[in-house]
Amino acid sequence: MAHEVVERIEKLGPEFAALAPENEKLGKLSDKTAELMRSAGVIRLLQPKEYGGYAAHPRDFAEAVMALARYDGAAGWVAGVVGVHPWELAQMDPRVAQDVWGANPDTWIASPYMPNGIADPVDGGYTLTGRWPFSSGSDHCDWNFLGALAGDGKGKPAQPPGVLHVLVPRSDAPIMPDTWDVIGLCGTGSKDVVVENAFLPEYRTVDQSDVQFGTAAARFGRTETLYQLPFTSMFPLGITSAVIGICEGGLALHLAQQRDRVAVTGVQVKDDPYVLFAAGEAAAEIQASRMQLIDGISGLYDKMEAGVELTIEDRSMVRRNQVRCAWRAVAALDEIFARSGGNAPRRDNPLQRFWRDAHVGLAHMIHVPGVAYHANSLTAMGLELPPSMQVLI
């Protein structure tokens, strides 16, 4: 059975779809879209139960993101990115959860995790300075997870380098307007944020390696399997789910539009074996992407639930497949878009928005295949990964 959040998204689907053009025009999610997402509860799926969340299986999270992206790629993308942050927050000092959710469990957190700033140690914490692009959904978020290099106390990166994830209130990380001018996923509002010499209490920081390897939660006595999964498996899950959902939405729209279309040759598309072959093949490829992505994260969850320690080979295989899922789904969408007729690229046809959104989603660094495939081949041969590769596996 589908999770209740997925069922609510499906019921609200026509409303999400109707709002998608407005989100694209605004360059961010509309207030109404954000309101509907809150009412569906999609951002609270991975949130701890004691703070109004569902602490759901990551499979349910992936399916909810896909469902939303089928109606609006931008809303699905924001759900996939912002929806992972409650999962990470649950692994930190409980004071952080109280800061963020104490007054409102529907408070959202944005993130650019790139270490574009320096956190310089001072008494009681750090001072942070930097600029971060790609803060998806930031207009509706009150906090930001930011990546930062640990400083040396003099404003320079410490040696050897260390990376922190730090949590900053929006008041310390203002959004830079007009910094998200793109050809796809326009409605995500993934703008730049800037921090200038803001103080960070020590407890609002976590070492990236602790989150990466799933060891952060145990420091504060949290034992649920969900919160022990590695960051490099969970963060890509939301992003790739959004891309697959976008491709599912494009496929559904293609089929609806082809039903009564007559090609320039005078042949009804329903009688054109080539278009129908491409549609059937694309449907199989997109469904395979969905199933493989869910199978990967479910397999990791099941192993951890059984008390089996995850190996680098386990993580590497899931990352390899996650990357391939995204590329396979978008390639399938390309095949049907090319056979959708001359009206497909018109701006008033939502199909071209799905196509653009899918390609921009594929451009996210988490989908770059080089390191993921390289690392998997090394682990399959029983060879060690260099530290630089382990960060992404």
Protein backbone atom coordinates (compact mmCIF):
# COMPACT_ATOMS: atom_id res chain seq x y z
CA MET A 1 0.00 0.00 0.00
CA ALA A 2 1.14 3.53 -0.73
CA HIS A 3 2.17 5.75 2.16
CA GLU A 4 -0.49 8.25 3.21
CA VAL A 5 1.70 11.12 2.02
CA VAL A 6 1.87 9.59 -1.46
CA GLU A 7 -1.92 9.21 -1.46
CA ARG A 8 -2.35 12.88 -0.50
CA ILE A 9 0.02 13.99 -3.26
CA GLU A 10 -1.96 11.98 -5.81
CA LYS A 11 -5.21 13.62 -4.67
CA LEU A 12 -3.62 17.07 -4.91
CA GLY A 13 -1.95 16.22 -8.22
CA PRO A 14 -4.16 18.33 -10.50
CA GLU A 15 -3.60 21.35 -8.25
CA PHE A 16 0.17 20.87 -8.33
CA ALA A 17 0.10 20.53 -12.11
CA ALA A 18 -2.00 23.66 -12.53
CA LEU A 19 0.47 25.69 -10.46
CA ALA A 20 3.58 24.50 -12.32
CA PRO A 21 3.55 27.25 -15.01
CA GLU A 22 3.27 29.93 -12.33
CA ASN A 23 6.23 28.45 -10.44
CA GLU A 24 8.32 28.54 -13.59
CA LYS A 25 7.35 32.15 -14.28
CA LEU A 26 8.09 33.22 -10.68
CA GLY A 27 11.46 31.46 -10.66
CA LYS A 28 10.51 29.87 -7.35
CA LEU A 29 7.70 27.84 -5.82
CA SER A 30 4.55 29.87 -5.31
CA ASP A 31 3.22 30.27 -1.79
CA LYS A 32 0.28 28.07 -2.78
CA THR A 33 2.55 25.25 -3.95
CA ALA A 34 4.53 25.38 -0.72
CA GLU A 35 1.26 25.36 1.23
CA LEU A 36 0.07 22.25 -0.62
CA MET A 37 3.39 20.51 -0.02
CA ARG A 38 3.13 21.24 3.69
CA SER A 39 -0.43 19.95 3.80
CA ALA A 40 0.69 16.74 2.08
CA GLY A 41 3.52 16.31 4.60
CA VAL A 42 6.17 15.41 2.03
CA ILE A 43 9.00 17.31 3.75
CA ARG A 44 8.24 15.59 7.07
CA LEU A 45 8.58 12.04 5.75
CA LEU A 46 12.14 11.55 7.08
CA GLN A 47 11.61 13.79 10.13
CA PRO A 48 11.69 12.17 13.59
CA LYS A 49 8.32 11.30 15.05
CA GLU A 50 8.93 13.31 18.20
CA TYR A 51 9.00 16.43 16.02
CA GLY A 52 5.87 15.71 14.02
CA GLY A 53 7.50 13.58 11.34
CA TYR A 54 6.85 10.12 9.97
CA ALA A 55 10.37 8.65 10.25
CA ALA A 56 9.31 6.78 7.12
CA HIS A 57 11.16 4.13 5.18
CA PRO A 58 13.35 5.83 2.53
CA ARG A 59 11.38 3.90 -0.10
CA ASP A 60 8.27 5.87 0.88
CA PHE A 61 10.22 9.10 0.63
CA ALA A 62 11.43 8.22 -2.88
CA GLU A 63 7.92 7.30 -4.01
CA ALA A 64 6.49 10.57 -2.64
CA VAL A 65 9.11 12.65 -4.45
CA MET A 66 8.46 10.77 -7.70
CA ALA A 67 4.71 11.26 -7.31
CA LEU A 68 5.08 15.01 -6.83
CA ALA A 69 7.61 15.42 -9.66
CA ARG A 70 5.16 13.74 -12.06
CA TYR A 71 2.92 16.80 -11.65
CA ASP A 72 5.55 19.52 -11.24
CA GLY A 73 9.26 18.89 -11.63
CA ALA A 74 10.24 21.94 -9.59
CA ALA A 75 8.05 20.97 -6.64
CA GLY A 76 9.35 17.41 -6.81
CA TRP A 77 12.95 18.62 -6.91
CA VAL A 78 12.48 20.83 -3.86
CA ALA A 79 10.82 17.94 -2.04
CA GLY A 80 13.74 15.67 -2.93
CA VAL A 81 16.37 18.13 -1.72
CA VAL A 82 14.67 19.83 1.23
CA GLY A 83 13.07 16.56 2.28
CA VAL A 84 16.45 14.98 3.08
CA HIS A 85 17.43 17.68 5.55
CA PRO A 86 15.18 16.51 8.41
CA TRP A 87 16.97 13.16 8.11
CA GLU A 88 20.37 14.81 8.66
CA LEU A 89 19.09 17.14 11.36
CA ALA A 90 17.87 14.12 13.34
CA GLN A 91 21.49 12.96 13.65
CA MET A 92 22.71 16.14 15.30
CA ASP A 93 22.68 17.49 18.83
CA PRO A 94 19.02 17.54 20.03
CA ARG A 95 19.37 21.26 20.70
CA VAL A 96 19.47 21.81 16.94
CA ALA A 97 16.12 20.08 16.41
CA GLN A 98 14.65 22.22 19.16
CA ASP A 99 16.02 25.36 17.50
CA VAL A 100 14.48 24.45 14.15
CA TRP A 101 11.26 22.60 14.99
CA GLY A 102 10.54 23.64 18.56
CA ALA A 103 8.01 26.27 17.52
CA ASN A 104 6.92 24.80 14.17
CA PRO A 105 7.51 21.22 12.96
CA ASP A 106 6.80 22.40 9.39
CA THR A 107 9.92 24.55 9.30
CA TRP A 108 11.97 23.83 6.16
CA ILE A 109 15.73 23.76 5.66
CA ALA A 110 17.54 24.48 2.38
CA SER A 111 21.09 23.49 1.50
CA PRO A 112 24.06 24.02 -0.68
CA TYR A 113 26.52 21.47 0.72
CA MET A 114 29.49 22.59 -1.35
CA PRO A 115 32.26 23.74 1.04
CA ASN A 116 32.20 27.29 -0.33
CA GLY A 117 32.80 28.94 3.03
CA ILE A 118 35.28 28.83 5.89
CA ALA A 119 34.22 28.09 9.46
CA ASP A 120 36.91 29.66 11.62
CA PRO A 121 37.10 28.36 15.21
CA VAL A 122 36.34 30.85 17.96
CA ASP A 123 35.31 30.50 21.58
CA GLY A 124 32.11 28.40 21.70
CA GLY A 125 31.95 27.65 18.00
CA TYR A 126 32.89 29.19 14.68
CA THR A 127 32.52 32.28 12.54
CA LEU A 128 31.34 31.57 9.01
CA THR A 129 31.88 33.50 5.79
CA GLY A 130 31.14 32.46 2.22
CA ARG A 131 28.77 32.40 -0.72
CA TRP A 132 26.82 29.34 -1.87
CA PRO A 133 24.87 28.86 -5.12
CA PHE A 134 21.97 26.46 -5.74
CA SER A 135 19.96 26.81 -2.51
CA SER A 136 16.83 25.04 -3.80
CA GLY A 137 13.55 26.12 -2.25
CA SER A 138 15.29 28.76 -0.15
CA ASP A 139 12.42 31.27 -0.43
CA HIS A 140 10.33 28.94 1.75
CA CYS A 141 13.09 27.82 4.12
CA ASP A 142 14.05 29.38 7.44
CA TRP A 143 17.40 27.60 7.79
CA ASN A 144 20.27 26.46 5.56
CA PHE A 145 22.60 23.51 5.76
CA LEU A 146 25.91 24.79 4.35
CA GLY A 147 29.18 23.08 3.60
CA ALA A 148 32.26 24.75 5.03
CA LEU A 149 35.97 24.11 5.25
CA ALA A 150 37.27 24.02 8.81
CA GLY A 151 39.42 27.12 9.32
CA ASP A 152 42.82 27.57 10.91
CA GLY A 153 41.73 30.45 13.14
CA LYS A 154 43.14 33.00 10.72
CA GLY A 155 40.51 32.85 8.00
CA LYS A 156 42.29 30.20 5.93
CA PRO A 157 41.46 26.49 5.49
CA ALA A 158 43.07 24.27 8.09
CA GLN A 159 45.49 21.56 6.99
CA PRO A 160 44.79 18.78 6.45
CA PRO A 161 41.43 19.93 5.06
CA GLY A 162 38.26 19.10 6.95
CA VAL A 163 34.65 19.67 5.88
CA LEU A 164 31.75 20.55 8.17
CA HIS A 165 28.01 20.72 7.59
CA VAL A 166 26.73 23.73 9.48
CA LEU A 167 23.22 24.97 10.15
CA VAL A 168 22.56 28.68 9.72
CA PRO A 169 19.32 30.64 10.20
CA ARG A 170 18.07 32.49 7.16
CA SER A 171 18.64 35.79 8.97
CA ASP A 172 22.38 35.06 8.73
CA ALA A 173 22.19 33.75 5.14
CA PRO A 174 20.25 36.23 2.99
CA ILE A 175 19.12 35.13 -0.46
CA MET A 176 20.71 36.90 -3.41
CA PRO A 177 17.96 37.89 -5.89
CA ASP A 178 18.28 37.25 -9.61
CA THR A 179 20.83 34.45 -9.18
CA TRP A 180 18.70 31.65 -10.67
CA ASP A 181 18.28 32.31 -14.39
CA VAL A 182 18.17 28.86 -16.00
CA ILE A 183 16.55 26.81 -18.75
CA GLY A 184 14.98 24.14 -16.55
CA LEU A 185 13.83 23.55 -12.97
CA CYS A 186 13.17 27.29 -12.95
CA GLY A 187 10.55 26.98 -10.23
CA THR A 188 13.01 25.55 -7.70
CA GLY A 189 14.33 29.04 -6.93
CA SER A 190 17.82 27.62 -6.38
CA LYS A 191 19.42 30.99 -5.65
CA ASP A 192 22.69 32.01 -4.03
CA VAL A 193 22.94 32.69 -0.30
CA VAL A 194 25.68 34.74 1.37
CA VAL A 195 27.01 34.62 4.93
CA GLU A 196 29.32 37.26 6.34
CA ASN A 197 31.08 36.62 9.64
CA ALA A 198 28.12 34.88 11.30
CA PHE A 199 28.61 33.08 14.62
CA LEU A 200 27.93 29.33 14.68
CA PRO A 201 27.49 27.57 18.01
CA GLU A 202 29.51 24.36 18.10
CA TYR A 203 26.38 22.22 18.46
CA ARG A 204 25.00 23.40 15.11
CA THR A 205 27.84 21.74 13.23
CA VAL A 206 28.60 18.15 12.25
CA ASP A 207 31.66 16.65 10.62
CA GLN A 208 30.89 15.62 7.05
CA SER A 209 32.54 12.23 7.50
CA ASP A 210 30.22 11.40 10.41
CA VAL A 211 27.18 11.97 8.22
CA GLN A 212 28.80 10.38 5.20
CA PHE A 213 29.39 7.06 6.95
CA GLY A 214 26.25 7.06 9.09
CA THR A 215 28.08 7.39 12.42
CA ALA A 216 26.66 10.75 13.53
CA ALA A 217 23.37 9.46 14.93
CA ALA A 218 24.97 7.15 17.49
CA ARG A 219 26.74 10.08 19.15
CA PHE A 220 23.41 11.27 20.47
CA GLY A 221 21.82 7.90 21.17
CA ARG A 222 19.64 7.67 18.07
CA THR A 223 19.46 4.02 17.02
CA GLU A 224 16.79 3.87 14.30
CA THR A 225 18.01 2.23 11.11
CA LEU A 226 16.81 5.19 9.03
CA TYR A 227 19.26 7.58 10.67
CA GLN A 228 22.26 5.30 10.30
CA LEU A 229 22.18 5.15 6.51
CA PRO A 230 25.06 6.94 4.75
CA PHE A 231 24.60 10.47 3.43
CA THR A 232 25.99 9.43 0.06
CA SER A 233 23.06 7.06 -0.35
CA MET A 234 20.30 9.26 1.09
CA PHE A 235 21.07 12.63 -0.48
CA PRO A 236 21.20 11.26 -4.05
CA LEU A 237 17.98 9.36 -3.41
CA GLY A 238 15.85 12.51 -3.28
CA ILE A 239 17.48 14.11 -6.31
CA THR A 240 17.31 11.03 -8.54
CA SER A 241 13.73 10.34 -7.43
CA ALA A 242 12.80 13.80 -8.67
CA VAL A 243 14.42 13.18 -12.06
CA ILE A 244 12.67 9.83 -12.46
CA GLY A 245 9.35 11.36 -11.44
CA ILE A 246 9.81 14.13 -14.01
CA CYS A 247 10.39 11.49 -16.69
CA GLU A 248 7.28 9.62 -15.55
CA GLY A 249 5.29 12.83 -15.86
CA GLY A 250 6.67 13.45 -19.33
CA LEU A 251 5.81 9.91 -20.41
CA ALA A 252 2.23 10.19 -19.13
CA LEU A 253 1.73 13.49 -20.94
CA HIS A 254 3.26 12.11 -24.15
CA LEU A 255 0.86 9.16 -24.14
CA ALA A 256 -2.13 11.43 -23.47
CA GLN A 257 -1.19 13.74 -26.33
CA GLN A 258 -0.44 10.95 -28.82
CA ARG A 259 -3.77 9.21 -28.30
CA ASP A 260 -5.61 11.32 -30.89
CA ARG A 261 -2.70 12.90 -32.78
CA VAL A 262 -2.47 12.58 -36.54
CA ALA A 263 1.04 12.79 -37.98
CA VAL A 264 1.94 14.94 -40.98
CA THR A 265 1.76 11.77 -43.08
CA GLY A 266 -1.94 11.52 -42.30
CA VAL A 267 -1.45 8.40 -40.18
CA GLN A 268 -2.95 8.36 -36.73
CA VAL A 269 -0.20 7.89 -34.17
CA LYS A 270 -2.09 4.99 -32.63
CA ASP A 271 -1.39 3.18 -35.90
CA ASP A 272 2.29 4.20 -36.10
CA PRO A 273 4.35 1.22 -34.89
CA TYR A 274 7.54 3.25 -34.55
CA VAL A 275 6.11 5.83 -32.14
CA LEU A 276 4.36 3.13 -30.16
CA PHE A 277 7.52 1.01 -30.00
CA ALA A 278 9.47 4.02 -28.63
CA ALA A 279 6.76 4.73 -26.06
CA GLY A 280 6.68 1.14 -24.86
CA GLU A 281 10.44 0.95 -24.64
CA ALA A 282 10.62 4.28 -22.79
CA ALA A 283 7.99 3.14 -20.32
CA ALA A 284 10.00 0.02 -19.57
CA GLU A 285 13.22 1.99 -19.13
CA ILE A 286 11.67 4.58 -16.81
CA GLN A 287 9.99 1.88 -14.72
CA ALA A 288 13.29 0.01 -14.52
CA SER A 289 14.91 3.18 -13.20
CA ARG A 290 12.23 3.53 -10.55
CA MET A 291 12.52 -0.08 -9.43
CA GLN A 292 16.32 -0.17 -9.36
CA LEU A 293 16.56 3.05 -7.36
CA ILE A 294 14.07 1.84 -4.76
CA ASP A 295 15.64 -1.61 -4.65
CA GLY A 296 19.07 -0.11 -3.94
CA ILE A 297 18.10 1.99 -0.94
CA SER A 298 15.80 -0.76 0.35
CA GLY A 299 18.66 -3.25 0.20
CA LEU A 300 20.91 -0.99 2.26
CA TYR A 301 18.11 -0.41 4.76
CA ASP A 302 17.43 -4.14 5.10
CA LYS A 303 21.09 -4.92 5.70
CA MET A 304 21.38 -2.33 8.42
CA GLU A 305 18.10 -3.41 9.96
CA ALA A 306 19.55 -6.93 10.20
CA GLY A 307 22.67 -5.61 11.89
CA VAL A 308 24.93 -6.17 8.89
CA GLU A 309 27.60 -3.53 8.43
CA LEU A 310 27.56 -1.85 5.03
CA THR A 311 30.68 -2.29 2.94
CA ILE A 312 32.23 0.10 0.47
CA GLU A 313 31.13 -2.38 -2.20
CA ASP A 314 27.51 -2.08 -1.02
CA ARG A 315 27.59 1.71 -1.16
CA SER A 316 29.46 1.77 -4.45
CA MET A 317 26.93 -0.47 -6.19
CA VAL A 318 23.99 1.62 -5.00
CA ARG A 319 25.67 4.83 -6.17
CA ARG A 320 26.51 3.28 -9.54
CA ASN A 321 22.94 2.18 -10.06
CA GLN A 322 21.50 5.47 -8.81
CA VAL A 323 23.50 7.39 -11.41
CA ARG A 324 22.51 4.95 -14.13
CA CYS A 325 18.83 5.22 -13.15
CA ALA A 326 18.86 8.95 -13.82
CA TRP A 327 20.63 8.67 -17.17
CA ARG A 328 18.45 5.79 -18.32
CA ALA A 329 15.22 7.62 -17.47
CA VAL A 330 16.25 10.87 -19.19
CA ALA A 331 17.46 8.99 -22.28
CA ALA A 332 14.04 7.34 -22.46
CA LEU A 333 12.33 10.72 -22.20
CA ASP A 334 14.52 11.98 -25.06
CA GLU A 335 13.32 9.14 -27.28
CA ILE A 336 9.64 9.96 -26.82
CA PHE A 337 10.11 13.73 -26.92
CA ALA A 338 11.71 13.34 -30.34
CA ARG A 339 8.54 11.55 -31.48
CA SER A 340 6.00 13.86 -29.84
CA GLY A 341 5.41 16.05 -32.87
CA GLY A 342 6.06 19.66 -33.77
CA ASN A 343 3.85 20.99 -30.99
CA ALA A 344 5.97 19.43 -28.24
CA PRO A 345 8.50 22.32 -28.05
CA ARG A 346 5.82 25.01 -27.80
CA ARG A 347 6.03 26.89 -24.52
CA ASP A 348 2.35 26.32 -23.84
CA ASN A 349 2.91 22.56 -23.99
CA PRO A 350 3.96 21.25 -20.55
CA LEU A 351 5.87 18.41 -22.21
CA GLN A 352 8.78 20.70 -23.09
CA ARG A 353 8.99 21.79 -19.44
CA PHE A 354 9.29 18.18 -18.29
CA TRP A 355 12.02 17.66 -20.89
CA ARG A 356 13.97 20.76 -19.81
CA ASP A 357 13.55 20.00 -16.12
CA ALA A 358 14.82 16.44 -16.59
CA HIS A 359 17.97 17.60 -18.35
CA VAL A 360 18.78 20.26 -15.77
CA GLY A 361 18.21 17.69 -13.02
CA LEU A 362 20.59 15.32 -14.76
CA ALA A 363 23.27 18.03 -14.67
CA HIS A 364 23.48 17.92 -10.86
CA MET A 365 26.92 16.80 -9.72
CA ILE A 366 25.41 13.78 -8.00
CA HIS A 367 24.55 12.40 -11.45
CA VAL A 368 28.00 12.82 -13.01
CA PRO A 369 28.89 9.22 -13.89
CA GLY A 370 32.69 9.32 -13.89
CA VAL A 371 33.57 8.81 -10.23
CA ALA A 372 30.60 6.56 -9.44
CA TYR A 373 31.39 4.13 -12.25
CA HIS A 374 35.15 4.29 -11.73
CA ALA A 375 34.81 3.63 -8.00
CA ASN A 376 32.44 0.73 -8.53
CA SER A 377 34.85 -0.93 -10.94
CA LEU A 378 37.68 -0.61 -8.42
CA THR A 379 35.62 -2.11 -5.60
CA ALA A 380 34.43 -4.92 -7.88
CA MET A 381 38.09 -5.80 -8.43
CA GLY A 382 38.77 -5.73 -4.70
CA LEU A 383 40.93 -2.61 -4.91
CA GLU A 384 40.95 0.29 -2.46
CA LEU A 385 39.35 3.63 -3.29
CA PRO A 386 41.41 6.79 -2.85
CA PRO A 387 39.99 9.14 -0.18
CA SER A 388 38.91 11.63 -2.84
CA MET A 389 36.56 9.01 -4.31
CA GLN A 390 35.16 7.80 -0.99
CA VAL A 391 33.62 11.21 -0.36
CA LEU A 392 31.14 10.59 -3.18
CA ILE A 393 30.39 6.88 -2.56
